[in-house]
Amino acid sequence: MTTIRFNAITYSNKLKKAKDSNQLAEIQAEELSNIINNDLATKQDIQLLKQDVEKLKMELQAFMVKAFLIGVGAIAGLQTLFHFLKP
């Protein structure tokens, strides 16, 4: 899970340097905008992630089916081999 990067000391120092409420408002809006724009997932990001998960899920299912079929084939081959090797 990605954490939101926020430097509280830097933010606090910027607020202390502000001389009036307009500067305070601008600093707060700028910092909030940075957090939202840089660190939060959008609906599109989440949709792309869901598509990637679905793709991986299908690939894993295909791999499991192949592995199962190879295992069944190997067991059948060994049974046939041992059947012919019986005295």
N, C-alpha and C. Protein backbone atom coordinates (compact mmCIF):
# COMPACT_ATOMS: atom_id res chain seq x y z
N MET A 1 0.84 -1.18 0.00
CA MET A 1 0.00 0.00 0.00
C MET A 1 0.89 1.25 0.00
N THR A 2 0.57 2.17 -0.86
CA THR A 2 1.32 3.41 -0.94
C THR A 2 0.87 4.36 0.16
N THR A 3 1.83 4.98 0.80
CA THR A 3 1.49 5.95 1.83
C THR A 3 1.59 7.35 1.24
N ILE A 4 0.83 8.25 1.79
CA ILE A 4 0.87 9.64 1.33
C ILE A 4 2.08 10.32 1.94
N ARG A 5 2.88 10.91 1.06
CA ARG A 5 4.09 11.60 1.53
C ARG A 5 3.70 13.03 1.93
N PHE A 6 3.91 13.32 3.19
CA PHE A 6 3.58 14.64 3.70
C PHE A 6 4.61 15.01 4.74
N ASN A 7 5.32 16.09 4.49
CA ASN A 7 6.34 16.55 5.42
C ASN A 7 5.72 17.62 6.32
N ALA A 8 5.38 17.24 7.52
CA ALA A 8 4.69 18.15 8.44
C ALA A 8 5.58 19.31 8.86
N ILE A 9 6.88 19.08 8.98
CA ILE A 9 7.79 20.16 9.40
C ILE A 9 7.86 21.25 8.33
N THR A 10 8.02 20.83 7.08
CA THR A 10 8.06 21.79 5.97
C THR A 10 6.75 22.57 5.90
N TYR A 11 5.66 21.85 6.02
CA TYR A 11 4.33 22.48 5.98
C TYR A 11 4.19 23.49 7.12
N SER A 12 4.59 23.09 8.30
CA SER A 12 4.50 23.98 9.47
C SER A 12 5.36 25.23 9.28
N ASN A 13 6.56 25.05 8.76
CA ASN A 13 7.44 26.20 8.54
C ASN A 13 6.86 27.16 7.51
N LYS A 14 6.24 26.63 6.46
CA LYS A 14 5.59 27.50 5.47
C LYS A 14 4.47 28.30 6.12
N LEU A 15 3.68 27.65 6.97
CA LEU A 15 2.57 28.35 7.63
C LEU A 15 3.08 29.44 8.56
N LYS A 16 4.20 29.18 9.25
CA LYS A 16 4.76 30.18 10.17
C LYS A 16 5.25 31.42 9.43
N LYS A 17 5.74 31.22 8.19
CA LYS A 17 6.27 32.34 7.41
C LYS A 17 5.17 33.19 6.79
N ALA A 18 3.97 32.66 6.74
CA ALA A 18 2.86 33.40 6.13
C ALA A 18 2.56 34.64 6.96
N LYS A 19 2.31 35.74 6.26
CA LYS A 19 2.09 37.01 6.96
C LYS A 19 0.61 37.35 7.14
N ASP A 20 -0.25 36.74 6.35
CA ASP A 20 -1.68 37.03 6.50
C ASP A 20 -2.52 35.80 6.14
N SER A 21 -3.81 35.93 6.32
CA SER A 21 -4.70 34.78 6.11
C SER A 21 -4.76 34.37 4.64
N ASN A 22 -4.54 35.31 3.71
CA ASN A 22 -4.52 34.95 2.29
C ASN A 22 -3.35 34.02 1.99
N GLN A 23 -2.19 34.33 2.54
CA GLN A 23 -1.02 33.46 2.34
C GLN A 23 -1.26 32.09 2.97
N LEU A 24 -1.87 32.08 4.16
CA LEU A 24 -2.18 30.80 4.81
C LEU A 24 -3.10 29.96 3.92
N ALA A 25 -4.12 30.60 3.38
CA ALA A 25 -5.06 29.88 2.53
C ALA A 25 -4.37 29.33 1.29
N GLU A 26 -3.49 30.13 0.68
CA GLU A 26 -2.76 29.69 -0.51
C GLU A 26 -1.85 28.50 -0.20
N ILE A 27 -1.15 28.58 0.93
CA ILE A 27 -0.25 27.49 1.32
C ILE A 27 -1.05 26.22 1.55
N GLN A 28 -2.16 26.33 2.27
CA GLN A 28 -2.97 25.14 2.55
C GLN A 28 -3.54 24.56 1.26
N ALA A 29 -4.01 25.40 0.37
CA ALA A 29 -4.55 24.92 -0.90
C ALA A 29 -3.46 24.25 -1.74
N GLU A 30 -2.27 24.84 -1.77
CA GLU A 30 -1.16 24.28 -2.54
C GLU A 30 -0.74 22.91 -2.01
N GLU A 31 -0.61 22.80 -0.69
CA GLU A 31 -0.20 21.52 -0.10
C GLU A 31 -1.26 20.44 -0.32
N LEU A 32 -2.51 20.81 -0.15
CA LEU A 32 -3.59 19.85 -0.37
C LEU A 32 -3.63 19.41 -1.83
N SER A 33 -3.42 20.34 -2.73
CA SER A 33 -3.38 20.03 -4.16
C SER A 33 -2.23 19.08 -4.47
N ASN A 34 -1.07 19.31 -3.87
CA ASN A 34 0.08 18.42 -4.09
C ASN A 34 -0.23 17.00 -3.62
N ILE A 35 -0.85 16.88 -2.48
CA ILE A 35 -1.20 15.55 -1.96
C ILE A 35 -2.18 14.85 -2.89
N ILE A 36 -3.22 15.55 -3.28
CA ILE A 36 -4.25 14.95 -4.13
C ILE A 36 -3.69 14.58 -5.50
N ASN A 37 -2.95 15.49 -6.11
CA ASN A 37 -2.46 15.26 -7.47
C ASN A 37 -1.34 14.24 -7.55
N ASN A 38 -0.55 14.11 -6.50
CA ASN A 38 0.63 13.24 -6.57
C ASN A 38 0.46 11.89 -5.90
N ASP A 39 -0.43 11.77 -4.94
CA ASP A 39 -0.43 10.57 -4.12
C ASP A 39 -1.73 9.79 -4.08
N LEU A 40 -2.82 10.35 -4.52
CA LEU A 40 -4.09 9.64 -4.44
C LEU A 40 -4.43 8.99 -5.77
N ALA A 41 -4.97 7.79 -5.69
CA ALA A 41 -5.37 7.07 -6.91
C ALA A 41 -6.67 7.66 -7.44
N THR A 42 -6.73 7.76 -8.76
CA THR A 42 -7.96 8.24 -9.40
C THR A 42 -8.84 7.03 -9.71
N LYS A 43 -10.06 7.30 -10.13
CA LYS A 43 -10.94 6.20 -10.53
C LYS A 43 -10.33 5.44 -11.70
N GLN A 44 -9.67 6.17 -12.59
CA GLN A 44 -9.01 5.53 -13.73
C GLN A 44 -7.87 4.63 -13.27
N ASP A 45 -7.08 5.08 -12.28
CA ASP A 45 -6.00 4.25 -11.73
C ASP A 45 -6.57 2.95 -11.16
N ILE A 46 -7.66 3.06 -10.43
CA ILE A 46 -8.27 1.89 -9.81
C ILE A 46 -8.82 0.95 -10.88
N GLN A 47 -9.43 1.51 -11.92
CA GLN A 47 -9.96 0.68 -13.01
C GLN A 47 -8.83 -0.07 -13.72
N LEU A 48 -7.71 0.61 -13.98
CA LEU A 48 -6.57 -0.04 -14.61
C LEU A 48 -6.02 -1.15 -13.72
N LEU A 49 -5.98 -0.91 -12.43
CA LEU A 49 -5.51 -1.92 -11.49
C LEU A 49 -6.43 -3.14 -11.49
N LYS A 50 -7.74 -2.90 -11.52
CA LYS A 50 -8.69 -4.01 -11.58
C LYS A 50 -8.50 -4.83 -12.85
N GLN A 51 -8.25 -4.15 -13.98
CA GLN A 51 -8.01 -4.86 -15.23
C GLN A 51 -6.74 -5.71 -15.16
N ASP A 52 -5.69 -5.16 -14.55
CA ASP A 52 -4.45 -5.91 -14.39
C ASP A 52 -4.66 -7.14 -13.51
N VAL A 53 -5.42 -6.98 -12.44
CA VAL A 53 -5.69 -8.10 -11.53
C VAL A 53 -6.48 -9.20 -12.26
N GLU A 54 -7.47 -8.79 -13.06
CA GLU A 54 -8.26 -9.77 -13.82
C GLU A 54 -7.38 -10.52 -14.81
N LYS A 55 -6.49 -9.80 -15.47
CA LYS A 55 -5.58 -10.43 -16.44
C LYS A 55 -4.68 -11.45 -15.72
N LEU A 56 -4.12 -11.05 -14.60
CA LEU A 56 -3.27 -11.97 -13.83
C LEU A 56 -4.05 -13.18 -13.34
N LYS A 57 -5.29 -12.95 -12.94
CA LYS A 57 -6.14 -14.04 -12.47
C LYS A 57 -6.36 -15.07 -13.58
N MET A 58 -6.64 -14.59 -14.80
CA MET A 58 -6.85 -15.50 -15.92
C MET A 58 -5.56 -16.23 -16.29
N GLU A 59 -4.43 -15.55 -16.23
CA GLU A 59 -3.15 -16.19 -16.52
C GLU A 59 -2.85 -17.28 -15.48
N LEU A 60 -3.15 -17.00 -14.23
CA LEU A 60 -2.91 -17.99 -13.17
C LEU A 60 -3.81 -19.20 -13.35
N GLN A 61 -5.06 -18.97 -13.70
CA GLN A 61 -5.99 -20.09 -13.93
C GLN A 61 -5.50 -20.95 -15.09
N ALA A 62 -5.04 -20.32 -16.17
CA ALA A 62 -4.53 -21.06 -17.32
C ALA A 62 -3.30 -21.87 -16.92
N PHE A 63 -2.43 -21.29 -16.13
CA PHE A 63 -1.24 -22.01 -15.66
C PHE A 63 -1.63 -23.22 -14.81
N MET A 64 -2.61 -23.03 -13.93
CA MET A 64 -3.03 -24.13 -13.07
C MET A 64 -3.63 -25.28 -13.88
N VAL A 65 -4.41 -24.95 -14.90
CA VAL A 65 -4.99 -25.99 -15.76
C VAL A 65 -3.88 -26.74 -16.48
N LYS A 66 -2.91 -26.01 -17.02
CA LYS A 66 -1.79 -26.65 -17.72
C LYS A 66 -1.01 -27.56 -16.77
N ALA A 67 -0.73 -27.08 -15.58
CA ALA A 67 0.02 -27.87 -14.60
C ALA A 67 -0.75 -29.13 -14.23
N PHE A 68 -2.05 -28.99 -14.06
CA PHE A 68 -2.89 -30.16 -13.74
C PHE A 68 -2.84 -31.18 -14.87
N LEU A 69 -2.99 -30.71 -16.11
CA LEU A 69 -2.97 -31.62 -17.25
C LEU A 69 -1.62 -32.31 -17.41
N ILE A 70 -0.56 -31.59 -17.17
CA ILE A 70 0.77 -32.20 -17.23
C ILE A 70 0.91 -33.26 -16.15
N GLY A 71 0.42 -32.96 -14.96
CA GLY A 71 0.47 -33.95 -13.86
C GLY A 71 -0.33 -35.19 -14.18
N VAL A 72 -1.54 -35.01 -14.72
CA VAL A 72 -2.38 -36.15 -15.10
C VAL A 72 -1.69 -36.97 -16.18
N GLY A 73 -1.10 -36.28 -17.17
CA GLY A 73 -0.39 -36.97 -18.23
C GLY A 73 0.81 -37.76 -17.71
N ALA A 74 1.53 -37.18 -16.77
CA ALA A 74 2.69 -37.86 -16.19
C ALA A 74 2.25 -39.10 -15.42
N ILE A 75 1.19 -38.99 -14.65
CA ILE A 75 0.69 -40.15 -13.89
C ILE A 75 0.21 -41.23 -14.84
N ALA A 76 -0.52 -40.85 -15.89
CA ALA A 76 -1.00 -41.84 -16.86
C ALA A 76 0.18 -42.52 -17.55
N GLY A 77 1.20 -41.73 -17.89
CA GLY A 77 2.39 -42.31 -18.53
C GLY A 77 3.11 -43.29 -17.61
N LEU A 78 3.22 -42.95 -16.35
CA LEU A 78 3.88 -43.84 -15.39
C LEU A 78 3.06 -45.11 -15.18
N GLN A 79 1.74 -44.98 -15.12
CA GLN A 79 0.90 -46.17 -14.97
C GLN A 79 1.07 -47.10 -16.16
N THR A 80 1.10 -46.53 -17.35
CA THR A 80 1.28 -47.34 -18.55
C THR A 80 2.64 -48.02 -18.52
N LEU A 81 3.67 -47.29 -18.16
CA LEU A 81 5.02 -47.85 -18.10
C LEU A 81 5.08 -48.99 -17.08
N PHE A 82 4.54 -48.79 -15.90
CA PHE A 82 4.57 -49.83 -14.88
C PHE A 82 3.71 -51.02 -15.26
N HIS A 83 2.65 -50.78 -16.01
CA HIS A 83 1.79 -51.89 -16.47
C HIS A 83 2.59 -52.83 -17.37
N PHE A 84 3.41 -52.26 -18.24
CA PHE A 84 4.21 -53.08 -19.16
C PHE A 84 5.42 -53.71 -18.47
N LEU A 85 5.82 -53.17 -17.34
CA LEU A 85 6.99 -53.72 -16.65
C LEU A 85 6.63 -54.81 -15.65
N LYS A 86 5.34 -55.10 -15.48
CA LYS A 86 4.93 -56.15 -14.54
C LYS A 86 5.43 -57.49 -15.04
N PRO A 87 5.91 -58.33 -14.12
CA PRO A 87 6.37 -59.66 -14.58
C PRO A 87 5.22 -60.59 -14.92
